[in-house]
Amino acid sequence: DETARRWTFKLRPGVKFHDGRSVTAKDVVASFERLVDPNSGSSALSAYKGILSKGGAKIVDDETVAFDLDKSNSNFPFYVSSDVYNAVILPADYAG
């Protein structure tokens, strides 16, 4: 949005995990919930501290995710890129 506090991402249709399942907004939200959970021990947690808290990633529809940030951040697209350690999207049912 115009305040850089809510970022909405539309997922590319047809993207699949290695096992053939489609990547959906549910997978993205579950992945970020794991990454920002203070109890997860995630190596990526320090990158999101003060930027994105648990509950900040929300499913809009199957192919759309909204991130409600702790405060405005114009660099948020960088924080969801491959440049942030361990910021990978895993299936929602991943139990590793």
Protein backbone atom coordinates (compact mmCIF):
# COMPACT_ATOMS: atom_id res chain seq x y z
CA ASP A 1 0.00 0.00 0.00
CA GLU A 2 1.02 3.66 -0.12
CA THR A 3 2.41 3.50 3.44
CA ALA A 4 4.77 0.55 2.69
CA ARG A 5 3.30 -1.21 5.70
CA ARG A 6 1.16 -3.73 3.79
CA TRP A 7 2.76 -5.61 0.94
CA THR A 8 0.64 -7.85 -1.27
CA PHE A 9 2.24 -10.47 -3.50
CA LYS A 10 0.55 -12.38 -6.30
CA LEU A 11 2.10 -15.83 -6.76
CA ARG A 12 3.04 -17.04 -10.19
CA PRO A 13 0.49 -19.66 -11.31
CA GLY A 14 1.77 -23.13 -12.14
CA VAL A 15 4.79 -23.14 -9.81
CA LYS A 16 5.23 -26.55 -8.23
CA PHE A 17 7.30 -28.15 -5.51
CA HIS A 18 9.63 -30.99 -6.48
CA ASP A 19 6.91 -33.52 -5.60
CA GLY A 20 4.47 -32.00 -8.09
CA ARG A 21 2.24 -30.13 -5.62
CA SER A 22 1.35 -26.56 -6.51
CA VAL A 23 2.82 -23.74 -4.42
CA THR A 24 -0.07 -21.81 -2.84
CA ALA A 25 -0.56 -18.88 -0.51
CA LYS A 26 -1.07 -21.40 2.30
CA ASP A 27 2.51 -22.62 1.80
CA VAL A 28 3.91 -19.09 1.75
CA VAL A 29 2.08 -18.07 4.92
CA ALA A 30 3.05 -21.28 6.75
CA SER A 31 6.69 -20.77 5.73
CA PHE A 32 6.80 -17.20 7.00
CA GLU A 33 4.97 -18.12 10.19
CA ARG A 34 7.77 -20.63 10.84
CA LEU A 35 10.46 -18.09 9.96
CA VAL A 36 9.17 -15.38 12.32
CA ASP A 37 8.07 -17.59 15.21
CA PRO A 38 10.33 -16.67 18.15
CA ASN A 39 10.14 -20.29 19.34
CA SER A 40 11.27 -21.78 16.03
CA GLY A 41 14.98 -21.12 16.33
CA SER A 42 14.98 -19.98 12.71
CA SER A 43 18.22 -18.51 11.40
CA ALA A 44 16.09 -16.01 9.45
CA LEU A 45 14.41 -14.67 12.59
CA SER A 46 16.98 -11.90 13.05
CA ALA A 47 16.32 -10.61 9.52
CA TYR A 48 12.62 -10.12 10.30
CA LYS A 49 12.87 -8.78 13.86
CA GLY A 50 10.96 -5.50 14.03
CA ILE A 51 9.76 -5.94 10.45
CA LEU A 52 7.39 -8.92 10.39
CA SER A 53 5.88 -10.65 13.41
CA LYS A 54 4.00 -13.91 13.73
CA GLY A 55 0.50 -13.43 12.34
CA GLY A 56 1.65 -10.76 9.89
CA ALA A 57 1.43 -12.98 6.79
CA LYS A 58 -2.13 -13.56 5.60
CA ILE A 59 -3.81 -15.55 2.84
CA VAL A 60 -5.86 -13.33 0.54
CA ASP A 61 -6.70 -16.13 -1.91
CA ASP A 62 -4.93 -19.26 -3.23
CA GLU A 63 -2.43 -17.17 -5.20
CA THR A 64 -2.18 -13.99 -3.11
CA VAL A 65 -0.41 -13.26 0.17
CA ALA A 66 -0.52 -10.01 2.16
CA PHE A 67 2.15 -9.09 4.68
CA ASP A 68 1.16 -6.62 7.39
CA LEU A 69 4.47 -5.31 8.68
CA ASP A 70 5.27 -4.10 12.18
CA LYS A 71 6.17 -0.74 10.64
CA SER A 72 6.56 0.71 7.18
CA ASN A 73 9.49 -0.72 5.24
CA SER A 74 10.21 0.13 1.62
CA ASN A 75 12.86 -2.62 1.44
CA PHE A 76 10.50 -5.48 2.28
CA PRO A 77 10.78 -7.11 -1.18
CA PHE A 78 14.48 -7.65 -0.39
CA TYR A 79 13.54 -9.38 2.86
CA VAL A 80 11.45 -11.97 1.04
CA SER A 81 14.07 -12.59 -1.62
CA SER A 82 16.58 -15.40 -1.75
CA ASP A 83 19.15 -13.06 -0.19
CA VAL A 84 17.75 -13.66 3.31
CA TYR A 85 19.19 -16.83 4.80
CA ASN A 86 16.65 -19.65 5.09
CA ALA A 87 13.81 -17.59 3.58
CA VAL A 88 12.64 -20.46 1.40
CA ILE A 89 9.06 -21.49 0.80
CA LEU A 90 8.27 -24.99 1.99
CA PRO A 91 5.00 -26.92 1.83
CA ALA A 92 2.54 -25.93 4.57
CA ASP A 93 2.68 -29.48 5.96
CA TYR A 94 6.49 -29.51 6.17
CA ALA A 95 7.60 -31.01 9.47
CA GLY A 96 11.39 -30.80 9.35
